[in-house]
Amino acid sequence: GIAVYSPALTDFILMVRKTSYMFITGPDVIKTVTNETIDFESLGGSLAQSQKSGVAHFIADSEKDCLDMIKALLSYLPQNNLENPPYYGADSPTRDTKKLENIVPEDSKKTYDIKEVILEIFDKKSFFEVQANFAGNVVVGFARLNGNVIGVVANQPKVLAGCLDINSSDKISRFVRFCDTFNIPLINLVDVTGYLPGTNQEHNGIIRHGAKVLYAYSEATVPKISLVLRKAYGGAYIALVSKDMGFDKVIAWPIAEIAVMGAEQAVNIINRDDLSKNPKIKSELVKQYTDKYLNPYVAAKLGKVDMIIDPKDTRIAL
């Protein structure tokens, strides 16, 4: 297999199924120290290190596939941090993206596959996903836009409603800092309900891990664009959309909802006293809140959104 000694000093780690293993202490040491019985594959095989730990970024079926994957990866990267990424010919820069209206439901409670959105927006067959098996609520990878290499960060509504958690925060922050190091512009495709709530997340340091995302974006000096497809709520809005993080352009679709939280949750808090007296008015209050606040035009008036575009013009605008 292909072995890497120090993940801490490596940009990307590739492993081959059934032949590559990584671990700090092997099964024999673990058996002696903790009395746990585990084999090489379960402890440090490609699936364990790509799905559970996130240490491995790519999995190949054979060593030949692994070398081909390395070649593909290098086609997106400059020779060093002083150069720009390589340019390749692209499909039409003026191609519209009408299909996006059918891919992304207007109903914010319905889900879809963000990878279909990515494939529609960027140059055909150019998306190269990184850490595909880890933290599936976020998709990151390289693509080309009119032949130029782009770093893509996107929420995946199919998994945990696309919210941010500990693992996805680590995944995003590492990728953003890598792109910044090698002069690769960043585009965020945002549809996020916020950070994942729960005692497990809090006790394992979601504040500490979530802050890495803010730090990575705020220190990055490459061009940064955020496109709000549907939802951008709360702390996740700050991390992925807020101009205070240094985003050069914030773009939104007309169906975008930019707010502290969703309408129902907001009404439960703001109108708690009224609801306790008359619960039947909740639906009307939710509608009023939605009409008044959950649209990108309010954010645009406040200077938080630069452009509101039709979905079919997404590729052209970016």
C-alpha atoms as a PDB file:
ATOM      1  CA  GLY A   1       0.000   0.000   0.000  1.00  0.00           C
ATOM      2  CA  ILE A   2       0.917   3.665   0.082  1.00  0.00           C
ATOM      3  CA  ALA A   3       2.039   4.688   3.544  1.00  0.00           C
ATOM      4  CA  VAL A   4       2.332   8.149   5.024  1.00  0.00           C
ATOM      5  CA  TYR A   5       4.296   8.568   8.234  1.00  0.00           C
ATOM      6  CA  SER A   6       3.046  11.912   9.525  1.00  0.00           C
ATOM      7  CA  PRO A   7      -0.517  13.046   8.747  1.00  0.00           C
ATOM      8  CA  ALA A   8       0.180  16.308  10.581  1.00  0.00           C
ATOM      9  CA  LEU A   9       2.736  17.302   7.935  1.00  0.00           C
ATOM     10  CA  THR A  10       0.849  16.023   4.884  1.00  0.00           C
ATOM     11  CA  ASP A  11      -1.537  18.011   2.699  1.00  0.00           C
ATOM     12  CA  PHE A  12      -3.519  14.992   1.510  1.00  0.00           C
ATOM     13  CA  ILE A  13      -3.483  11.338   2.453  1.00  0.00           C
ATOM     14  CA  LEU A  14      -4.527   8.618   0.025  1.00  0.00           C
ATOM     15  CA  MET A  15      -5.104   5.019   1.072  1.00  0.00           C
ATOM     16  CA  VAL A  16      -5.721   1.810  -0.877  1.00  0.00           C
ATOM     17  CA  ARG A  17      -8.539  -0.498   0.220  1.00  0.00           C
ATOM     18  CA  LYS A  18      -7.494  -3.629   2.108  1.00  0.00           C
ATOM     19  CA  THR A  19      -3.748  -2.933   1.770  1.00  0.00           C
ATOM     20  CA  SER A  20      -3.158   0.425   3.501  1.00  0.00           C
ATOM     21  CA  TYR A  21      -3.194   0.922   7.276  1.00  0.00           C
ATOM     22  CA  MET A  22      -2.400   3.784   9.633  1.00  0.00           C
ATOM     23  CA  PHE A  23      -2.414   3.927  13.425  1.00  0.00           C
ATOM     24  CA  ILE A  24      -0.334   5.209  16.316  1.00  0.00           C
ATOM     25  CA  THR A  25      -0.392   1.900  18.194  1.00  0.00           C
ATOM     26  CA  GLY A  26      -1.152  -1.440  16.560  1.00  0.00           C
ATOM     27  CA  PRO A  27      -3.637  -4.163  17.561  1.00  0.00           C
ATOM     28  CA  ASP A  28      -1.080  -6.034  19.689  1.00  0.00           C
ATOM     29  CA  VAL A  29      -0.247  -2.978  21.800  1.00  0.00           C
ATOM     30  CA  ILE A  30      -3.917  -2.142  22.208  1.00  0.00           C
ATOM     31  CA  LYS A  31      -4.635  -5.702  23.319  1.00  0.00           C
ATOM     32  CA  THR A  32      -1.870  -5.525  25.895  1.00  0.00           C
ATOM     33  CA  VAL A  33      -2.746  -2.086  27.264  1.00  0.00           C
ATOM     34  CA  THR A  34      -6.545  -1.946  27.080  1.00  0.00           C
ATOM     35  CA  ASN A  35      -7.454  -5.614  26.517  1.00  0.00           C
ATOM     36  CA  GLU A  36      -9.374  -4.642  23.361  1.00  0.00           C
ATOM     37  CA  THR A  37      -9.286  -7.059  20.441  1.00  0.00           C
ATOM     38  CA  ILE A  38      -9.283  -5.485  16.986  1.00  0.00           C
ATOM     39  CA  ASP A  39      -7.756  -6.288  13.591  1.00  0.00           C
ATOM     40  CA  PHE A  40      -5.646  -4.076  11.327  1.00  0.00           C
ATOM     41  CA  GLU A  41      -8.509  -3.179   8.975  1.00  0.00           C
ATOM     42  CA  SER A  42     -10.975  -2.207  11.698  1.00  0.00           C
ATOM     43  CA  LEU A  43      -8.361  -0.211  13.597  1.00  0.00           C
ATOM     44  CA  GLY A  44      -6.600   1.732  10.839  1.00  0.00           C
ATOM     45  CA  GLY A  45      -7.835   0.593   7.456  1.00  0.00           C
ATOM     46  CA  SER A  46      -8.970   2.898   4.696  1.00  0.00           C
ATOM     47  CA  LEU A  47     -12.632   2.944   5.751  1.00  0.00           C
ATOM     48  CA  ALA A  48     -11.849   3.573   9.413  1.00  0.00           C
ATOM     49  CA  GLN A  49      -9.462   6.422   8.621  1.00  0.00           C
ATOM     50  CA  SER A  50     -11.683   8.045   5.998  1.00  0.00           C
ATOM     51  CA  GLN A  51     -15.149   7.638   7.571  1.00  0.00           C
ATOM     52  CA  LYS A  52     -14.544   7.738  11.320  1.00  0.00           C
ATOM     53  CA  SER A  53     -11.364   9.711  11.928  1.00  0.00           C
ATOM     54  CA  GLY A  54     -11.187  11.802   8.758  1.00  0.00           C
ATOM     55  CA  VAL A  55      -7.423  11.290   8.625  1.00  0.00           C
ATOM     56  CA  ALA A  56      -7.483   9.885   5.081  1.00  0.00           C
ATOM     57  CA  HIS A  57      -8.766  12.186   2.338  1.00  0.00           C
ATOM     58  CA  PHE A  58      -9.085   9.727  -0.542  1.00  0.00           C
ATOM     59  CA  ILE A  59      -9.599   5.981  -0.967  1.00  0.00           C
ATOM     60  CA  ALA A  60      -8.512   4.068  -4.058  1.00  0.00           C
ATOM     61  CA  ASP A  61      -9.429   0.529  -5.094  1.00  0.00           C
ATOM     62  CA  SER A  62      -5.889  -0.316  -6.221  1.00  0.00           C
ATOM     63  CA  GLU A  63      -2.443   1.215  -6.314  1.00  0.00           C
ATOM     64  CA  LYS A  64      -2.942   2.085  -9.992  1.00  0.00           C
ATOM     65  CA  ASP A  65      -6.172   3.899  -9.117  1.00  0.00           C
ATOM     66  CA  CYS A  66      -4.331   5.653  -6.317  1.00  0.00           C
ATOM     67  CA  LEU A  67      -1.620   6.936  -8.665  1.00  0.00           C
ATOM     68  CA  ASP A  68      -4.270   8.083 -11.162  1.00  0.00           C
ATOM     69  CA  MET A  69      -6.023   9.914  -8.330  1.00  0.00           C
ATOM     70  CA  ILE A  70      -2.755  11.645  -7.419  1.00  0.00           C
ATOM     71  CA  LYS A  71      -2.336  12.793 -11.019  1.00  0.00           C
ATOM     72  CA  ALA A  72      -5.867  14.187 -11.049  1.00  0.00           C
ATOM     73  CA  LEU A  73      -5.300  15.958  -7.733  1.00  0.00           C
ATOM     74  CA  LEU A  74      -2.064  17.552  -8.920  1.00  0.00           C
ATOM     75  CA  SER A  75      -3.865  18.945 -11.983  1.00  0.00           C
ATOM     76  CA  TYR A  76      -5.680  21.353  -9.630  1.00  0.00           C
ATOM     77  CA  LEU A  77      -2.612  22.493  -7.693  1.00  0.00           C
ATOM     78  CA  PRO A  78       0.229  24.904  -8.399  1.00  0.00           C
ATOM     79  CA  GLN A  79       3.841  23.775  -8.079  1.00  0.00           C
ATOM     80  CA  ASN A  80       4.235  25.886  -4.951  1.00  0.00           C
ATOM     81  CA  ASN A  81       2.575  28.597  -2.908  1.00  0.00           C
ATOM     82  CA  LEU A  82       4.002  31.387  -5.069  1.00  0.00           C
ATOM     83  CA  GLU A  83       2.298  30.229  -8.262  1.00  0.00           C
ATOM     84  CA  ASN A  84      -1.317  30.261  -9.383  1.00  0.00           C
ATOM     85  CA  PRO A  85      -3.198  27.005 -10.028  1.00  0.00           C
ATOM     86  CA  PRO A  86      -3.042  25.666 -13.602  1.00  0.00           C
ATOM     87  CA  TYR A  87      -5.667  26.899 -16.087  1.00  0.00           C
ATOM     88  CA  TYR A  88      -7.466  24.500 -18.419  1.00  0.00           C
ATOM     89  CA  GLY A  89      -9.979  25.072 -21.185  1.00  0.00           C
ATOM     90  CA  ALA A  90     -13.589  25.280 -20.026  1.00  0.00           C
ATOM     91  CA  ASP A  91     -17.101  24.882 -21.286  1.00  0.00           C
ATOM     92  CA  SER A  92     -19.105  28.019 -22.075  1.00  0.00           C
ATOM     93  CA  PRO A  93     -18.698  30.787 -19.473  1.00  0.00           C
ATOM     94  CA  THR A  94     -22.186  32.064 -20.388  1.00  0.00           C
ATOM     95  CA  ARG A  95     -23.966  28.713 -19.977  1.00  0.00           C
ATOM     96  CA  ASP A  96     -27.155  29.215 -17.975  1.00  0.00           C
ATOM     97  CA  THR A  97     -28.132  26.985 -15.062  1.00  0.00           C
ATOM     98  CA  LYS A  98     -31.901  26.608 -15.518  1.00  0.00           C
ATOM     99  CA  LYS A  99     -31.816  23.097 -14.057  1.00  0.00           C
ATOM    100  CA  LEU A 100     -31.060  24.525 -10.606  1.00  0.00           C
ATOM    101  CA  GLU A 101     -34.693  25.603 -10.200  1.00  0.00           C
ATOM    102  CA  ASN A 102     -35.707  21.937 -10.449  1.00  0.00           C
ATOM    103  CA  ILE A 103     -32.883  20.648  -8.250  1.00  0.00           C
ATOM    104  CA  VAL A 104     -33.386  22.967  -5.257  1.00  0.00           C
ATOM    105  CA  PRO A 105     -36.941  22.912  -3.823  1.00  0.00           C
ATOM    106  CA  GLU A 106     -38.360  26.266  -2.784  1.00  0.00           C
ATOM    107  CA  ASP A 107     -39.795  24.601   0.332  1.00  0.00           C
ATOM    108  CA  SER A 108     -36.957  24.882   2.858  1.00  0.00           C
ATOM    109  CA  LYS A 109     -38.117  21.704   4.611  1.00  0.00           C
ATOM    110  CA  LYS A 110     -37.486  19.558   1.533  1.00  0.00           C
ATOM    111  CA  THR A 111     -34.064  18.114   0.865  1.00  0.00           C
ATOM    112  CA  TYR A 112     -31.893  17.715  -2.230  1.00  0.00           C
ATOM    113  CA  ASP A 113     -28.372  16.662  -3.199  1.00  0.00           C
ATOM    114  CA  ILE A 114     -25.949  19.603  -3.208  1.00  0.00           C
ATOM    115  CA  LYS A 115     -23.609  17.647  -5.501  1.00  0.00           C
ATOM    116  CA  GLU A 116     -26.154  18.038  -8.299  1.00  0.00           C
ATOM    117  CA  VAL A 117     -25.966  21.801  -7.766  1.00  0.00           C
ATOM    118  CA  ILE A 118     -22.160  21.718  -7.877  1.00  0.00           C
ATOM    119  CA  LEU A 119     -22.121  19.708 -11.107  1.00  0.00           C
ATOM    120  CA  GLU A 120     -24.560  22.156 -12.725  1.00  0.00           C
ATOM    121  CA  ILE A 121     -22.711  25.349 -11.739  1.00  0.00           C
ATOM    122  CA  PHE A 122     -19.074  24.499 -12.367  1.00  0.00           C
ATOM    123  CA  ASP A 123     -17.298  23.349 -15.508  1.00  0.00           C
ATOM    124  CA  LYS A 124     -18.496  19.950 -16.663  1.00  0.00           C
ATOM    125  CA  LYS A 125     -16.713  16.951 -15.106  1.00  0.00           C
ATOM    126  CA  SER A 126     -14.387  19.230 -13.147  1.00  0.00           C
ATOM    127  CA  PHE A 127     -15.477  18.575  -9.545  1.00  0.00           C
ATOM    128  CA  PHE A 128     -12.922  16.623  -7.486  1.00  0.00           C
ATOM    129  CA  GLU A 129     -14.277  15.937  -4.003  1.00  0.00           C
ATOM    130  CA  VAL A 130     -12.044  15.857  -0.917  1.00  0.00           C
ATOM    131  CA  GLN A 131     -12.882  13.728   2.155  1.00  0.00           C
ATOM    132  CA  ALA A 132     -16.016  12.351   0.512  1.00  0.00           C
ATOM    133  CA  ASN A 133     -16.540   9.754   3.263  1.00  0.00           C
ATOM    134  CA  PHE A 134     -16.120  12.084   6.243  1.00  0.00           C
ATOM    135  CA  ALA A 135     -18.592  14.620   7.701  1.00  0.00           C
ATOM    136  CA  GLY A 136     -21.134  14.159   4.926  1.00  0.00           C
ATOM    137  CA  ASN A 137     -23.153  17.184   6.039  1.00  0.00           C
ATOM    138  CA  VAL A 138     -20.554  19.310   4.242  1.00  0.00           C
ATOM    139  CA  VAL A 139     -19.076  18.812   0.767  1.00  0.00           C
ATOM    140  CA  VAL A 140     -15.656  20.258  -0.080  1.00  0.00           C
ATOM    141  CA  GLY A 141     -13.484  19.856  -3.133  1.00  0.00           C
ATOM    142  CA  PHE A 142     -11.875  21.405  -6.176  1.00  0.00           C
ATOM    143  CA  ALA A 143     -13.673  22.438  -9.340  1.00  0.00           C
ATOM    144  CA  ARG A 144     -13.098  24.725 -12.291  1.00  0.00           C
ATOM    145  CA  LEU A 145     -15.076  27.805 -13.229  1.00  0.00           C
ATOM    146  CA  ASN A 146     -14.350  28.975 -16.765  1.00  0.00           C
ATOM    147  CA  GLY A 147     -11.129  26.976 -16.563  1.00  0.00           C
ATOM    148  CA  ASN A 148      -9.955  28.497 -13.267  1.00  0.00           C
ATOM    149  CA  VAL A 149      -9.443  26.288 -10.209  1.00  0.00           C
ATOM    150  CA  ILE A 150     -11.909  26.983  -7.398  1.00  0.00           C
ATOM    151  CA  GLY A 151     -12.243  25.609  -3.868  1.00  0.00           C
ATOM    152  CA  VAL A 152     -15.878  24.662  -3.200  1.00  0.00           C
ATOM    153  CA  VAL A 153     -17.422  24.513   0.286  1.00  0.00           C
ATOM    154  CA  ALA A 154     -21.080  23.464   0.319  1.00  0.00           C
ATOM    155  CA  ASN A 155     -23.669  22.386   2.865  1.00  0.00           C
ATOM    156  CA  GLN A 156     -25.304  19.025   2.131  1.00  0.00           C
ATOM    157  CA  PRO A 157     -29.036  19.180   3.040  1.00  0.00           C
ATOM    158  CA  LYS A 158     -29.297  15.393   2.696  1.00  0.00           C
ATOM    159  CA  VAL A 159     -27.186  14.873   5.840  1.00  0.00           C
ATOM    160  CA  LEU A 160     -28.131  16.522   9.154  1.00  0.00           C
ATOM    161  CA  ALA A 161     -29.952  19.195   7.129  1.00  0.00           C
ATOM    162  CA  GLY A 162     -26.534  20.553   6.159  1.00  0.00           C
ATOM    163  CA  CYS A 163     -25.820  21.951   9.625  1.00  0.00           C
ATOM    164  CA  LEU A 164     -22.296  22.388  10.979  1.00  0.00           C
ATOM    165  CA  ASP A 165     -20.898  20.099  13.670  1.00  0.00           C
ATOM    166  CA  ILE A 166     -17.481  19.275  15.087  1.00  0.00           C
ATOM    167  CA  ASN A 167     -16.289  17.086  12.220  1.00  0.00           C
ATOM    168  CA  SER A 168     -17.602  19.312   9.437  1.00  0.00           C
ATOM    169  CA  SER A 169     -16.003  22.352  11.110  1.00  0.00           C
ATOM    170  CA  ASP A 170     -12.618  20.620  11.057  1.00  0.00           C
ATOM    171  CA  LYS A 171     -13.198  19.553   7.458  1.00  0.00           C
ATOM    172  CA  ILE A 172     -14.054  23.071   6.287  1.00  0.00           C
ATOM    173  CA  SER A 173     -11.322  24.901   8.190  1.00  0.00           C
ATOM    174  CA  ARG A 174      -8.546  22.605   6.969  1.00  0.00           C
ATOM    175  CA  PHE A 175      -9.713  22.860   3.357  1.00  0.00           C
ATOM    176  CA  VAL A 176     -10.080  26.653   3.482  1.00  0.00           C
ATOM    177  CA  ARG A 177      -6.588  27.097   4.885  1.00  0.00           C
ATOM    178  CA  PHE A 178      -5.179  24.782   2.215  1.00  0.00           C
ATOM    179  CA  CYS A 179      -6.856  26.774  -0.566  1.00  0.00           C
ATOM    180  CA  ASP A 180      -5.577  30.024   0.922  1.00  0.00           C
ATOM    181  CA  THR A 181      -2.038  28.628   0.996  1.00  0.00           C
ATOM    182  CA  PHE A 182      -2.084  27.758  -2.714  1.00  0.00           C
ATOM    183  CA  ASN A 183      -3.925  30.779  -4.127  1.00  0.00           C
ATOM    184  CA  ILE A 184      -7.189  28.969  -4.838  1.00  0.00           C
ATOM    185  CA  PRO A 185     -10.303  31.199  -4.660  1.00  0.00           C
ATOM    186  CA  LEU A 186     -13.201  29.972  -2.512  1.00  0.00           C
ATOM    187  CA  ILE A 187     -16.902  29.736  -3.298  1.00  0.00           C
ATOM    188  CA  ASN A 188     -19.412  28.768  -0.599  1.00  0.00           C
ATOM    189  CA  LEU A 189     -22.755  27.261  -1.563  1.00  0.00           C
ATOM    190  CA  VAL A 190     -24.797  27.891   1.570  1.00  0.00           C
ATOM    191  CA  ASP A 191     -27.936  26.167   2.796  1.00  0.00           C
ATOM    192  CA  VAL A 192     -27.422  25.829   6.535  1.00  0.00           C
ATOM    193  CA  THR A 193     -29.703  25.805   9.564  1.00  0.00           C
ATOM    194  CA  GLY A 194     -26.911  26.533  12.048  1.00  0.00           C
ATOM    195  CA  TYR A 195     -24.533  24.599  14.281  1.00  0.00           C
ATOM    196  CA  LEU A 196     -25.753  21.190  15.445  1.00  0.00           C
ATOM    197  CA  PRO A 197     -27.255  21.419  18.958  1.00  0.00           C
ATOM    198  CA  GLY A 198     -26.803  18.765  21.644  1.00  0.00           C
ATOM    199  CA  THR A 199     -24.870  17.892  24.766  1.00  0.00           C
ATOM    200  CA  ASN A 200     -22.488  15.624  22.865  1.00  0.00           C
ATOM    201  CA  GLN A 201     -21.479  18.468  20.561  1.00  0.00           C
ATOM    202  CA  GLU A 202     -21.130  20.974  23.392  1.00  0.00           C
ATOM    203  CA  HIS A 203     -19.113  18.676  25.654  1.00  0.00           C
ATOM    204  CA  ASN A 204     -16.782  17.691  22.828  1.00  0.00           C
ATOM    205  CA  GLY A 205     -16.002  21.302  22.006  1.00  0.00           C
ATOM    206  CA  ILE A 206     -18.227  22.562  19.191  1.00  0.00           C
ATOM    207  CA  ILE A 207     -17.288  26.097  20.249  1.00  0.00           C
ATOM    208  CA  ARG A 208     -13.586  25.297  19.935  1.00  0.00           C
ATOM    209  CA  HIS A 209     -13.951  23.439  16.635  1.00  0.00           C
ATOM    210  CA  GLY A 210     -16.539  25.832  15.212  1.00  0.00           C
ATOM    211  CA  ALA A 211     -14.231  28.762  15.851  1.00  0.00           C
ATOM    212  CA  LYS A 212     -11.695  27.189  13.479  1.00  0.00           C
ATOM    213  CA  VAL A 213     -14.055  27.908  10.581  1.00  0.00           C
ATOM    214  CA  LEU A 214     -14.308  31.592  11.486  1.00  0.00           C
ATOM    215  CA  TYR A 215     -10.548  31.847  11.907  1.00  0.00           C
ATOM    216  CA  ALA A 216      -9.812  30.111   8.595  1.00  0.00           C
ATOM    217  CA  TYR A 217     -12.116  32.368   6.585  1.00  0.00           C
ATOM    218  CA  SER A 218     -11.155  35.594   8.324  1.00  0.00           C
ATOM    219  CA  GLU A 219      -7.434  35.046   7.742  1.00  0.00           C
ATOM    220  CA  ALA A 220      -7.778  33.797   4.147  1.00  0.00           C
ATOM    221  CA  THR A 221      -6.665  36.374   1.587  1.00  0.00           C
ATOM    222  CA  VAL A 222      -7.829  34.613  -1.588  1.00  0.00           C
ATOM    223  CA  PRO A 223     -11.058  35.806  -3.262  1.00  0.00           C
ATOM    224  CA  LYS A 224     -14.083  34.556  -1.303  1.00  0.00           C
ATOM    225  CA  ILE A 225     -17.660  34.430  -2.570  1.00  0.00           C
ATOM    226  CA  SER A 226     -20.732  33.132  -0.729  1.00  0.00           C
ATOM    227  CA  LEU A 227     -23.918  32.151  -2.517  1.00  0.00           C
ATOM    228  CA  VAL A 228     -26.969  31.622  -0.274  1.00  0.00           C
ATOM    229  CA  LEU A 229     -29.205  29.063  -1.959  1.00  0.00           C
ATOM    230  CA  ARG A 230     -31.888  28.808   0.737  1.00  0.00           C
ATOM    231  CA  LYS A 231     -31.109  29.070   4.468  1.00  0.00           C
ATOM    232  CA  ALA A 232     -28.350  30.916   6.303  1.00  0.00           C
ATOM    233  CA  TYR A 233     -29.128  30.974  10.017  1.00  0.00           C
ATOM    234  CA  GLY A 234     -27.367  32.030  13.189  1.00  0.00           C
ATOM    235  CA  GLY A 235     -23.743  31.252  13.893  1.00  0.00           C
ATOM    236  CA  ALA A 236     -23.437  29.292  10.660  1.00  0.00           C
ATOM    237  CA  TYR A 237     -24.400  32.460   8.759  1.00  0.00           C
ATOM    238  CA  ILE A 238     -21.556  34.288  10.509  1.00  0.00           C
ATOM    239  CA  ALA A 239     -19.086  31.573   9.511  1.00  0.00           C
ATOM    240  CA  LEU A 240     -20.127  31.019   5.901  1.00  0.00           C
ATOM    241  CA  VAL A 241     -21.791  34.234   4.713  1.00  0.00           C
ATOM    242  CA  SER A 242     -21.085  37.223   6.954  1.00  0.00           C
ATOM    243  CA  LYS A 243     -19.113  40.011   5.286  1.00  0.00           C
ATOM    244  CA  ASP A 244     -17.384  40.521   8.623  1.00  0.00           C
ATOM    245  CA  MET A 245     -15.453  37.331   7.790  1.00  0.00           C
ATOM    246  CA  GLY A 246     -13.991  39.124   4.787  1.00  0.00           C
ATOM    247  CA  PHE A 247     -16.176  37.681   2.033  1.00  0.00           C
ATOM    248  CA  ASP A 248     -15.670  39.766  -1.099  1.00  0.00           C
ATOM    249  CA  LYS A 249     -19.144  39.152  -2.496  1.00  0.00           C
ATOM    250  CA  VAL A 250     -22.284  37.737  -0.935  1.00  0.00           C
ATOM    251  CA  ILE A 251     -24.881  36.599  -3.461  1.00  0.00           C
ATOM    252  CA  ALA A 252     -28.355  35.246  -2.749  1.00  0.00           C
ATOM    253  CA  TRP A 253     -31.201  33.611  -4.600  1.00  0.00           C
ATOM    254  CA  PRO A 254     -34.648  35.220  -4.176  1.00  0.00           C
ATOM    255  CA  ILE A 255     -35.770  32.248  -2.007  1.00  0.00           C
ATOM    256  CA  ALA A 256     -32.874  32.734   0.438  1.00  0.00           C
ATOM    257  CA  GLU A 257     -33.688  33.017   4.144  1.00  0.00           C
ATOM    258  CA  ILE A 258     -31.106  34.984   6.132  1.00  0.00           C
ATOM    259  CA  ALA A 259     -31.917  35.279   9.813  1.00  0.00           C
ATOM    260  CA  VAL A 260     -30.887  34.387  13.349  1.00  0.00           C
ATOM    261  CA  MET A 261     -33.149  31.332  13.204  1.00  0.00           C
ATOM    262  CA  GLY A 262     -36.174  29.904  11.403  1.00  0.00           C
ATOM    263  CA  ALA A 263     -39.559  31.589  11.636  1.00  0.00           C
ATOM    264  CA  GLU A 264     -41.182  28.968  13.869  1.00  0.00           C
ATOM    265  CA  GLN A 265     -38.327  28.960  16.390  1.00  0.00           C
ATOM    266  CA  ALA A 266     -38.200  32.768  16.407  1.00  0.00           C
ATOM    267  CA  VAL A 267     -41.936  33.094  17.016  1.00  0.00           C
ATOM    268  CA  ASN A 268     -41.744  30.591  19.884  1.00  0.00           C
ATOM    269  CA  ILE A 269     -39.251  32.900  21.608  1.00  0.00           C
ATOM    270  CA  ILE A 270     -40.384  36.386  20.609  1.00  0.00           C
ATOM    271  CA  ASN A 271     -44.106  35.749  21.044  1.00  0.00           C
ATOM    272  CA  ARG A 272     -43.951  33.364  23.992  1.00  0.00           C
ATOM    273  CA  ASP A 273     -46.407  35.365  26.110  1.00  0.00           C
ATOM    274  CA  ASP A 274     -48.917  35.827  23.275  1.00  0.00           C
ATOM    275  CA  LEU A 275     -48.789  32.136  22.380  1.00  0.00           C
ATOM    276  CA  SER A 276     -49.394  31.082  25.969  1.00  0.00           C
ATOM    277  CA  LYS A 277     -52.653  33.040  25.873  1.00  0.00           C
ATOM    278  CA  ASN A 278     -53.733  32.031  22.372  1.00  0.00           C
ATOM    279  CA  PRO A 279     -51.789  29.188  20.651  1.00  0.00           C
ATOM    280  CA  LYS A 280     -53.995  29.435  17.556  1.00  0.00           C
ATOM    281  CA  ILE A 281     -52.280  32.617  16.387  1.00  0.00           C
ATOM    282  CA  LYS A 282     -48.942  30.856  15.873  1.00  0.00           C
ATOM    283  CA  SER A 283     -49.390  30.122  12.160  1.00  0.00           C
ATOM    284  CA  GLU A 284     -50.266  33.760  11.437  1.00  0.00           C
ATOM    285  CA  LEU A 285     -47.292  35.011  13.467  1.00  0.00           C
ATOM    286  CA  VAL A 286     -44.976  32.619  11.602  1.00  0.00           C
ATOM    287  CA  LYS A 287     -46.284  33.931   8.280  1.00  0.00           C
ATOM    288  CA  GLN A 288     -45.796  37.541   9.366  1.00  0.00           C
ATOM    289  CA  TYR A 289     -42.233  36.857  10.524  1.00  0.00           C
ATOM    290  CA  THR A 290     -41.438  35.002   7.293  1.00  0.00           C
ATOM    291  CA  ASP A 291     -42.791  37.756   5.060  1.00  0.00           C
ATOM    292  CA  LYS A 292     -41.066  40.514   7.014  1.00  0.00           C
ATOM    293  CA  TYR A 293     -37.646  39.031   7.749  1.00  0.00           C
ATOM    294  CA  LEU A 294     -36.939  35.757   5.930  1.00  0.00           C
ATOM    295  CA  ASN A 295     -35.947  37.127   2.556  1.00  0.00           C
ATOM    296  CA  PRO A 296     -32.665  38.388   1.113  1.00  0.00           C
ATOM    297  CA  TYR A 297     -34.000  41.861   0.368  1.00  0.00           C
ATOM    298  CA  VAL A 298     -33.901  42.860   4.036  1.00  0.00           C
ATOM    299  CA  ALA A 299     -30.258  41.731   4.215  1.00  0.00           C
ATOM    300  CA  ALA A 300     -29.510  43.577   0.969  1.00  0.00           C
ATOM    301  CA  LYS A 301     -30.933  46.820   2.377  1.00  0.00           C
ATOM    302  CA  LEU A 302     -28.592  46.446   5.332  1.00  0.00           C
ATOM    303  CA  GLY A 303     -25.596  45.910   3.043  1.00  0.00           C
ATOM    304  CA  LYS A 304     -25.158  42.255   4.009  1.00  0.00           C
ATOM    305  CA  VAL A 305     -25.942  40.949   0.503  1.00  0.00           C
ATOM    306  CA  ASP A 306     -24.366  42.392  -2.661  1.00  0.00           C
ATOM    307  CA  MET A 307     -26.443  40.699  -5.347  1.00  0.00           C
ATOM    308  CA  ILE A 308     -29.771  38.883  -5.598  1.00  0.00           C
ATOM    309  CA  ILE A 309     -29.792  36.745  -8.733  1.00  0.00           C
ATOM    310  CA  ASP A 310     -32.033  34.369 -10.623  1.00  0.00           C
ATOM    311  CA  PRO A 311     -30.866  30.736 -10.188  1.00  0.00           C
ATOM    312  CA  LYS A 312     -30.436  30.384 -13.969  1.00  0.00           C
ATOM    313  CA  ASP A 313     -27.781  33.135 -13.878  1.00  0.00           C
ATOM    314  CA  THR A 314     -25.749  31.536 -11.091  1.00  0.00           C
ATOM    315  CA  ARG A 315     -22.809  30.330 -13.180  1.00  0.00           C
ATOM    316  CA  ILE A 316     -22.601  33.598 -15.101  1.00  0.00           C
ATOM    317  CA  ALA A 317     -22.682  35.690 -11.907  1.00  0.00           C
ATOM    318  CA  LEU A 318     -20.006  33.627 -10.158  1.00  0.00           C
END
